[in-house]
PDB file of N, CA and C in Angstrom:
ATOM      1  N   MET A   1       6.822   7.134 -11.229  1.00  0.00           N
ATOM      2  CA  MET A   1       6.637   6.724  -9.855  1.00  0.00           C
ATOM      3  C   MET A   1       6.560   5.195  -9.821  1.00  0.00           C
ATOM      4  N   ASN A   2       7.387   4.568  -8.978  1.00  0.00           N
ATOM      5  CA  ASN A   2       7.363   3.110  -8.908  1.00  0.00           C
ATOM      6  C   ASN A   2       6.267   2.632  -7.956  1.00  0.00           C
ATOM      7  N   ARG A   3       6.116   1.337  -7.848  1.00  0.00           N
ATOM      8  CA  ARG A   3       5.034   0.739  -7.064  1.00  0.00           C
ATOM      9  C   ARG A   3       5.071   1.118  -5.591  1.00  0.00           C
ATOM     10  N   VAL A   4       6.237   1.123  -5.009  1.00  0.00           N
ATOM     11  CA  VAL A   4       6.366   1.417  -3.580  1.00  0.00           C
ATOM     12  C   VAL A   4       6.079   2.895  -3.318  1.00  0.00           C
ATOM     13  N   GLU A   5       6.586   3.762  -4.171  1.00  0.00           N
ATOM     14  CA  GLU A   5       6.299   5.191  -4.026  1.00  0.00           C
ATOM     15  C   GLU A   5       4.807   5.455  -4.173  1.00  0.00           C
ATOM     16  N   LEU A   6       4.175   4.774  -5.112  1.00  0.00           N
ATOM     17  CA  LEU A   6       2.737   4.913  -5.307  1.00  0.00           C
ATOM     18  C   LEU A   6       1.988   4.450  -4.061  1.00  0.00           C
ATOM     19  N   ALA A   7       2.404   3.346  -3.475  1.00  0.00           N
ATOM     20  CA  ALA A   7       1.768   2.848  -2.258  1.00  0.00           C
ATOM     21  C   ALA A   7       1.916   3.860  -1.124  1.00  0.00           C
ATOM     22  N   ARG A   8       3.087   4.401  -0.951  1.00  0.00           N
ATOM     23  CA  ARG A   8       3.308   5.404   0.100  1.00  0.00           C
ATOM     24  C   ARG A   8       2.461   6.651  -0.138  1.00  0.00           C
ATOM     25  N   TYR A   9       2.391   7.063  -1.376  1.00  0.00           N
ATOM     26  CA  TYR A   9       1.619   8.253  -1.717  1.00  0.00           C
ATOM     27  C   TYR A   9       0.135   8.041  -1.431  1.00  0.00           C
ATOM     28  N   LEU A  10      -0.429   6.950  -1.917  1.00  0.00           N
ATOM     29  CA  LEU A  10      -1.859   6.693  -1.733  1.00  0.00           C
ATOM     30  C   LEU A  10      -2.222   6.496  -0.267  1.00  0.00           C
ATOM     31  N   LEU A  11      -1.442   5.700   0.436  1.00  0.00           N
ATOM     32  CA  LEU A  11      -1.741   5.445   1.835  1.00  0.00           C
ATOM     33  C   LEU A  11      -1.560   6.717   2.663  1.00  0.00           C
ATOM     34  N   GLY A  12      -0.513   7.470   2.375  1.00  0.00           N
ATOM     35  CA  GLY A  12      -0.300   8.733   3.079  1.00  0.00           C
ATOM     36  C   GLY A  12      -1.399   9.740   2.809  1.00  0.00           C
ATOM     37  N   ALA A  13      -1.993   9.690   1.620  1.00  0.00           N
ATOM     38  CA  ALA A  13      -3.043  10.634   1.254  1.00  0.00           C
ATOM     39  C   ALA A  13      -4.330  10.389   2.030  1.00  0.00           C
ATOM     40  N   ILE A  14      -4.611   9.155   2.394  1.00  0.00           N
ATOM     41  CA  ILE A  14      -5.850   8.888   3.124  1.00  0.00           C
ATOM     42  C   ILE A  14      -5.670   8.982   4.634  1.00  0.00           C
ATOM     43  N   CYS A  15      -4.441   9.048   5.101  1.00  0.00           N
ATOM     44  CA  CYS A  15      -4.165   9.246   6.533  1.00  0.00           C
ATOM     45  C   CYS A  15      -3.986  10.740   6.773  1.00  0.00           C
ATOM     46  N   GLN A  16      -4.508  11.242   7.880  1.00  0.00           N
ATOM     47  CA  GLN A  16      -4.334  12.667   8.184  1.00  0.00           C
ATOM     48  C   GLN A  16      -2.875  12.982   8.494  1.00  0.00           C
ATOM     49  N   ASP A  17      -2.188  12.038   9.093  1.00  0.00           N
ATOM     50  CA  ASP A  17      -0.770  12.201   9.435  1.00  0.00           C
ATOM     51  C   ASP A  17       0.017  11.180   8.619  1.00  0.00           C
ATOM     52  N   PRO A  18       0.860  11.613   7.695  1.00  0.00           N
ATOM     53  CA  PRO A  18       1.617  10.666   6.857  1.00  0.00           C
ATOM     54  C   PRO A  18       2.465   9.672   7.656  1.00  0.00           C
ATOM     55  N   ASP A  19       2.825  10.018   8.899  1.00  0.00           N
ATOM     56  CA  ASP A  19       3.601   9.095   9.730  1.00  0.00           C
ATOM     57  C   ASP A  19       2.785   7.878  10.147  1.00  0.00           C
ATOM     58  N   GLU A  20       1.461   7.956   9.985  1.00  0.00           N
ATOM     59  CA  GLU A  20       0.595   6.827  10.329  1.00  0.00           C
ATOM     60  C   GLU A  20       0.540   5.792   9.210  1.00  0.00           C
ATOM     61  N   ALA A  21       1.106   6.110   8.064  1.00  0.00           N
ATOM     62  CA  ALA A  21       1.106   5.214   6.907  1.00  0.00           C
ATOM     63  C   ALA A  21       2.471   4.549   6.785  1.00  0.00           C
ATOM     64  N   LYS A  22       2.508   3.247   6.942  1.00  0.00           N
ATOM     65  CA  LYS A  22       3.757   2.495   6.838  1.00  0.00           C
ATOM     66  C   LYS A  22       3.677   1.559   5.631  1.00  0.00           C
ATOM     67  N   VAL A  23       4.720   1.568   4.827  1.00  0.00           N
ATOM     68  CA  VAL A  23       4.791   0.691   3.658  1.00  0.00           C
ATOM     69  C   VAL A  23       6.120  -0.041   3.708  1.00  0.00           C
ATOM     70  N   GLU A  24       6.047  -1.365   3.728  1.00  0.00           N
ATOM     71  CA  GLU A  24       7.251  -2.188   3.686  1.00  0.00           C
ATOM     72  C   GLU A  24       7.322  -2.858   2.326  1.00  0.00           C
ATOM     73  N   HIS A  25       8.529  -2.947   1.794  1.00  0.00           N
ATOM     74  CA  HIS A  25       8.720  -3.534   0.470  1.00  0.00           C
ATOM     75  C   HIS A  25       9.779  -4.626   0.550  1.00  0.00           C
ATOM     76  N   LEU A  26       9.410  -5.796   0.084  1.00  0.00           N
ATOM     77  CA  LEU A  26      10.359  -6.897  -0.041  1.00  0.00           C
ATOM     78  C   LEU A  26      10.485  -7.220  -1.517  1.00  0.00           C
ATOM     79  N   TRP A  27      11.719  -7.254  -1.984  1.00  0.00           N
ATOM     80  CA  TRP A  27      11.991  -7.542  -3.386  1.00  0.00           C
ATOM     81  C   TRP A  27      12.477  -8.971  -3.498  1.00  0.00           C
ATOM     82  N   THR A  28      11.896  -9.718  -4.407  1.00  0.00           N
ATOM     83  CA  THR A  28      12.406 -11.046  -4.729  1.00  0.00           C
ATOM     84  C   THR A  28      12.759 -11.031  -6.215  1.00  0.00           C
ATOM     85  N   SER A  29      13.344 -12.090  -6.679  1.00  0.00           N
ATOM     86  CA  SER A  29      13.761 -12.118  -8.084  1.00  0.00           C
ATOM     87  C   SER A  29      12.578 -12.111  -9.050  1.00  0.00           C
ATOM     88  N   THR A  30      11.406 -12.516  -8.581  1.00  0.00           N
ATOM     89  CA  THR A  30      10.245 -12.571  -9.478  1.00  0.00           C
ATOM     90  C   THR A  30       9.091 -11.672  -9.074  1.00  0.00           C
ATOM     91  N   ALA A  31       9.112 -11.141  -7.840  1.00  0.00           N
ATOM     92  CA  ALA A  31       7.947 -10.387  -7.374  1.00  0.00           C
ATOM     93  C   ALA A  31       8.328  -9.260  -6.425  1.00  0.00           C
ATOM     94  N   ASP A  32       7.430  -8.297  -6.338  1.00  0.00           N
ATOM     95  CA  ASP A  32       7.505  -7.240  -5.342  1.00  0.00           C
ATOM     96  C   ASP A  32       6.415  -7.517  -4.312  1.00  0.00           C
ATOM     97  N   LEU A  33       6.794  -7.612  -3.051  1.00  0.00           N
ATOM     98  CA  LEU A  33       5.843  -7.812  -1.973  1.00  0.00           C
ATOM     99  C   LEU A  33       5.715  -6.493  -1.228  1.00  0.00           C
ATOM    100  N   VAL A  34       4.521  -5.953  -1.184  1.00  0.00           N
ATOM    101  CA  VAL A  34       4.276  -4.661  -0.554  1.00  0.00           C
ATOM    102  C   VAL A  34       3.288  -4.870   0.592  1.00  0.00           C
ATOM    103  N   PHE A  35       3.701  -4.472   1.790  1.00  0.00           N
ATOM    104  CA  PHE A  35       2.870  -4.627   2.978  1.00  0.00           C
ATOM    105  C   PHE A  35       2.484  -3.247   3.485  1.00  0.00           C
ATOM    106  N   LEU A  36       1.186  -3.031   3.677  1.00  0.00           N
ATOM    107  CA  LEU A  36       0.664  -1.756   4.134  1.00  0.00           C
ATOM    108  C   LEU A  36       0.251  -1.871   5.594  1.00  0.00           C
ATOM    109  N   LYS A  37       0.557  -0.843   6.368  1.00  0.00           N
ATOM    110  CA  LYS A  37       0.181  -0.830   7.775  1.00  0.00           C
ATOM    111  C   LYS A  37      -0.235   0.584   8.150  1.00  0.00           C
ATOM    112  N   VAL A  38      -1.362   0.693   8.843  1.00  0.00           N
ATOM    113  CA  VAL A  38      -1.862   1.984   9.302  1.00  0.00           C
ATOM    114  C   VAL A  38      -1.818   1.978  10.820  1.00  0.00           C
ATOM    115  N   THR A  39      -1.284   3.049  11.414  1.00  0.00           N
ATOM    116  CA  THR A  39      -1.155   3.135  12.861  1.00  0.00           C
ATOM    117  C   THR A  39      -1.866   4.383  13.380  1.00  0.00           C
ATOM    118  N   GLY A  40      -1.869   4.541  14.683  1.00  0.00           N
ATOM    119  CA  GLY A  40      -2.407   5.742  15.309  1.00  0.00           C
ATOM    120  C   GLY A  40      -3.894   5.921  15.097  1.00  0.00           C
ATOM    121  N   SER A  41      -4.300   7.180  15.009  1.00  0.00           N
ATOM    122  CA  SER A  41      -5.725   7.482  14.878  1.00  0.00           C
ATOM    123  C   SER A  41      -6.282   7.024  13.528  1.00  0.00           C
ATOM    124  N   ALA A  42      -5.440   6.932  12.522  1.00  0.00           N
ATOM    125  CA  ALA A  42      -5.905   6.473  11.207  1.00  0.00           C
ATOM    126  C   ALA A  42      -6.404   5.042  11.281  1.00  0.00           C
ATOM    127  N   ARG A  43      -5.810   4.240  12.141  1.00  0.00           N
ATOM    128  CA  ARG A  43      -6.230   2.842  12.289  1.00  0.00           C
ATOM    129  C   ARG A  43      -7.674   2.762  12.787  1.00  0.00           C
ATOM    130  N   LYS A  44      -8.036   3.688  13.667  1.00  0.00           N
ATOM    131  CA  LYS A  44      -9.403   3.719  14.197  1.00  0.00           C
ATOM    132  C   LYS A  44     -10.365   4.367  13.208  1.00  0.00           C
ATOM    133  N   ARG A  45      -9.898   5.358  12.484  1.00  0.00           N
ATOM    134  CA  ARG A  45     -10.751   6.138  11.603  1.00  0.00           C
ATOM    135  C   ARG A  45     -11.063   5.439  10.284  1.00  0.00           C
ATOM    136  N   LEU A  46     -10.077   4.771   9.722  1.00  0.00           N
ATOM    137  CA  LEU A  46     -10.264   4.137   8.405  1.00  0.00           C
ATOM    138  C   LEU A  46     -10.967   2.790   8.536  1.00  0.00           C
ATOM    139  N   LYS A  47     -11.868   2.551   7.634  1.00  0.00           N
ATOM    140  CA  LYS A  47     -12.597   1.285   7.594  1.00  0.00           C
ATOM    141  C   LYS A  47     -11.795   0.277   6.772  1.00  0.00           C
ATOM    142  N   PRO A  48     -12.018  -1.000   7.017  1.00  0.00           N
ATOM    143  CA  PRO A  48     -11.335  -2.019   6.196  1.00  0.00           C
ATOM    144  C   PRO A  48     -11.594  -1.834   4.697  1.00  0.00           C
ATOM    145  N   GLU A  49     -12.782  -1.345   4.359  1.00  0.00           N
ATOM    146  CA  GLU A  49     -13.118  -1.125   2.952  1.00  0.00           C
ATOM    147  C   GLU A  49     -12.236  -0.038   2.334  1.00  0.00           C
ATOM    148  N   ASP A  50     -11.881   0.971   3.136  1.00  0.00           N
ATOM    149  CA  ASP A  50     -11.009   2.043   2.644  1.00  0.00           C
ATOM    150  C   ASP A  50      -9.640   1.484   2.254  1.00  0.00           C
ATOM    151  N   LEU A  51      -9.105   0.647   3.114  1.00  0.00           N
ATOM    152  CA  LEU A  51      -7.793   0.059   2.848  1.00  0.00           C
ATOM    153  C   LEU A  51      -7.864  -0.939   1.701  1.00  0.00           C
ATOM    154  N   ALA A  52      -8.979  -1.643   1.596  1.00  0.00           N
ATOM    155  CA  ALA A  52      -9.150  -2.597   0.492  1.00  0.00           C
ATOM    156  C   ALA A  52      -9.125  -1.881  -0.851  1.00  0.00           C
ATOM    157  N   VAL A  53      -9.655  -0.674  -0.898  1.00  0.00           N
ATOM    158  CA  VAL A  53      -9.634   0.114  -2.137  1.00  0.00           C
ATOM    159  C   VAL A  53      -8.198   0.466  -2.514  1.00  0.00           C
ATOM    160  N   VAL A  54      -7.399   0.845  -1.531  1.00  0.00           N
ATOM    161  CA  VAL A  54      -5.992   1.170  -1.803  1.00  0.00           C
ATOM    162  C   VAL A  54      -5.276  -0.059  -2.353  1.00  0.00           C
ATOM    163  N   VAL A  55      -5.523  -1.214  -1.754  1.00  0.00           N
ATOM    164  CA  VAL A  55      -4.904  -2.460  -2.220  1.00  0.00           C
ATOM    165  C   VAL A  55      -5.308  -2.736  -3.662  1.00  0.00           C
ATOM    166  N   ARG A  56      -6.582  -2.590  -3.975  1.00  0.00           N
ATOM    167  CA  ARG A  56      -7.054  -2.863  -5.340  1.00  0.00           C
ATOM    168  C   ARG A  56      -6.451  -1.905  -6.358  1.00  0.00           C
ATOM    169  N   ILE A  57      -6.338  -0.633  -5.977  1.00  0.00           N
ATOM    170  CA  ILE A  57      -5.729   0.355  -6.890  1.00  0.00           C
ATOM    171  C   ILE A  57      -4.275  -0.012  -7.163  1.00  0.00           C
ATOM    172  N   LEU A  58      -3.544  -0.358  -6.107  1.00  0.00           N
ATOM    173  CA  LEU A  58      -2.138  -0.733  -6.276  1.00  0.00           C
ATOM    174  C   LEU A  58      -2.002  -1.981  -7.137  1.00  0.00           C
ATOM    175  N   GLU A  59      -2.848  -2.973  -6.895  1.00  0.00           N
ATOM    176  CA  GLU A  59      -2.790  -4.204  -7.692  1.00  0.00           C
ATOM    177  C   GLU A  59      -3.101  -3.912  -9.156  1.00  0.00           C
ATOM    178  N   ARG A  60      -4.058  -3.045  -9.380  1.00  0.00           N
ATOM    179  CA  ARG A  60      -4.475  -2.729 -10.745  1.00  0.00           C
ATOM    180  C   ARG A  60      -3.393  -1.952 -11.492  1.00  0.00           C
ATOM    181  N   LEU A  61      -2.893  -0.904 -10.856  1.00  0.00           N
ATOM    182  CA  LEU A  61      -1.874  -0.069 -11.505  1.00  0.00           C
ATOM    183  C   LEU A  61      -0.515  -0.755 -11.540  1.00  0.00           C
ATOM    184  N   GLY A  62      -0.150  -1.407 -10.446  1.00  0.00           N
ATOM    185  CA  GLY A  62       1.153  -2.052 -10.369  1.00  0.00           C
ATOM    186  C   GLY A  62       1.217  -3.369 -11.098  1.00  0.00           C
ATOM    187  N   GLY A  63       0.085  -3.965 -11.366  1.00  0.00           N
ATOM    188  CA  GLY A  63       0.049  -5.255 -12.035  1.00  0.00           C
ATOM    189  C   GLY A  63       0.338  -5.185 -13.515  1.00  0.00           C
ATOM    190  N   GLN A  64       0.506  -3.992 -14.033  1.00  0.00           N
ATOM    191  CA  GLN A  64       0.752  -3.835 -15.466  1.00  0.00           C
ATOM    192  C   GLN A  64       2.216  -4.030 -15.826  1.00  0.00           C
ATOM    193  N   GLU A  65       3.066  -4.166 -14.839  1.00  0.00           N
ATOM    194  CA  GLU A  65       4.490  -4.367 -15.096  1.00  0.00           C
ATOM    195  C   GLU A  65       4.791  -5.860 -15.226  1.00  0.00           C
ATOM    196  N   GLU A  66       6.007  -6.179 -15.623  1.00  0.00           N
ATOM    197  CA  GLU A  66       6.395  -7.571 -15.860  1.00  0.00           C
ATOM    198  C   GLU A  66       6.492  -8.394 -14.579  1.00  0.00           C
ATOM    199  N   ARG A  67       6.951  -7.776 -13.499  1.00  0.00           N
ATOM    200  CA  ARG A  67       7.125  -8.500 -12.243  1.00  0.00           C
ATOM    201  C   ARG A  67       5.790  -8.632 -11.517  1.00  0.00           C
ATOM    202  N   GLU A  68       5.613  -9.736 -10.825  1.00  0.00           N
ATOM    203  CA  GLU A  68       4.407  -9.957 -10.039  1.00  0.00           C
ATOM    204  C   GLU A  68       4.364  -8.980  -8.869  1.00  0.00           C
ATOM    205  N   LEU A  69       3.187  -8.530  -8.527  1.00  0.00           N
ATOM    206  CA  LEU A  69       2.999  -7.631  -7.387  1.00  0.00           C
ATOM    207  C   LEU A  69       2.038  -8.274  -6.401  1.00  0.00           C
ATOM    208  N   VAL A  70       2.458  -8.344  -5.146  1.00  0.00           N
ATOM    209  CA  VAL A  70       1.591  -8.843  -4.082  1.00  0.00           C
ATOM    210  C   VAL A  70       1.456  -7.725  -3.060  1.00  0.00           C
ATOM    211  N   VAL A  71       0.227  -7.327  -2.773  1.00  0.00           N
ATOM    212  CA  VAL A  71      -0.046  -6.264  -1.807  1.00  0.00           C
ATOM    213  C   VAL A  71      -0.875  -6.868  -0.688  1.00  0.00           C
ATOM    214  N   ASP A  72      -0.489  -6.589   0.561  1.00  0.00           N
ATOM    215  CA  ASP A  72      -1.211  -7.141   1.691  1.00  0.00           C
ATOM    216  C   ASP A  72      -1.246  -6.117   2.824  1.00  0.00           C
ATOM    217  N   LEU A  73      -2.231  -6.263   3.689  1.00  0.00           N
ATOM    218  CA  LEU A  73      -2.357  -5.412   4.861  1.00  0.00           C
ATOM    219  C   LEU A  73      -1.802  -6.125   6.065  1.00  0.00           C
ATOM    220  N   LYS A  74      -1.129  -5.373   6.919  1.00  0.00           N
ATOM    221  CA  LYS A  74      -0.607  -5.937   8.164  1.00  0.00           C
ATOM    222  C   LYS A  74      -1.531  -5.578   9.292  1.00  0.00           C
TER     223      LYS A  74
END
């Protein structure tokens, strides 16, 4: 499972409706930029700390590869 798939999986798992989990991926020659966005009722239900945990997990697991990984919330 690559970094973007992992981000979609984790974010979708904490949202009751997977359509509320949006993951955008920008590829550069040196880094992967992953932007997470939560919409709908999940935006109201999830706390900032919940999303921060997802970001930390992605940075930790995805940071083991050669390319730089930047994860941010929109």
